[in-house]
Protein backbone atom coordinates (compact mmCIF):
# COMPACT_ATOMS: atom_id res chain seq x y z
CA MET A 1 0.00 0.00 0.00
CA ASN A 2 1.28 3.44 -0.91
CA PRO A 3 2.30 5.62 2.08
CA ARG A 4 0.31 8.50 0.62
CA TRP A 5 -2.89 6.60 1.44
CA PHE A 6 -1.86 6.50 5.10
CA LEU A 7 -1.31 10.25 5.08
CA ARG A 8 -4.72 10.82 3.46
CA ALA A 9 -6.36 8.53 6.02
CA LYS A 10 -4.67 10.44 8.85
CA ARG A 11 -5.89 13.76 7.47
CA LEU A 12 -9.40 12.38 7.04
CA ALA A 13 -9.44 11.08 10.62
CA GLN A 14 -8.23 14.42 12.00
CA SER A 15 -10.74 16.53 10.10
CA PRO A 16 -13.68 14.46 8.88
CA PRO A 17 -15.93 15.81 6.12
CA SER A 18 -18.95 17.89 7.05
CA TRP A 19 -22.39 16.31 7.39
CA GLY A 20 -23.49 18.15 4.25
CA ARG A 21 -20.67 16.58 2.21
CA VAL A 22 -21.57 13.12 3.53
CA LYS A 23 -25.23 13.64 2.56
CA LEU A 24 -24.15 14.82 -0.92
CA VAL A 25 -22.08 11.69 -1.50
CA PHE A 26 -24.92 9.43 -0.35
CA ALA A 27 -27.38 11.31 -2.57
CA ILE A 28 -25.14 10.78 -5.60
CA ILE A 29 -24.75 7.07 -4.80
CA LEU A 30 -28.53 6.76 -4.36
CA LEU A 31 -29.16 8.51 -7.71
CA CYS A 32 -26.76 6.16 -9.50
CA ALA A 33 -28.41 3.12 -7.90
CA ALA A 34 -31.86 4.41 -8.91
CA LEU A 35 -30.75 4.91 -12.53
CA TRP A 36 -29.23 1.43 -12.61
CA GLY A 37 -32.41 -0.07 -11.19
CA TYR A 38 -34.56 1.80 -13.72
CA GLU A 39 -32.42 0.45 -16.55
CA GLN A 40 -32.67 -3.09 -15.17
CA VAL A 41 -36.47 -2.92 -14.95
CA PHE A 42 -37.36 -1.03 -18.13
CA GLY A 43 -34.27 -1.57 -20.30
CA TRP A 44 -32.17 0.83 -22.29
CA PRO A 45 -34.12 3.10 -24.69
CA GLU A 46 -33.51 2.34 -28.35
CA ALA A 47 -33.20 6.06 -29.15
CA LEU A 48 -30.10 6.33 -26.94
CA THR A 49 -28.26 3.42 -28.56
CA PRO A 50 -25.56 4.63 -30.96
CA ASN A 51 -25.60 3.30 -34.51
CA ASN A 52 -22.46 1.65 -35.81
CA HIS A 53 -22.04 2.64 -39.48
CA ARG A 54 -18.55 1.37 -40.19
CA ARG A 55 -17.61 0.58 -43.74
CA ASN A 56 -15.22 -2.25 -44.43
CA GLY A 57 -13.18 -0.55 -47.16
CA ILE A 58 -12.43 2.74 -45.43
């Protein structure tokens, strides 16, 4: 493990993030999980799928 990670962990332990920052991170994680779940239930929309128009000779 890189020693820089130990220094970052020490700094984080000495001055933890504010409650607002923690709520922001959890909100972002919750949003990503909701989008993933929506895609699993309803699938990916056909309009957002890119078309592959490669030509063999070019």
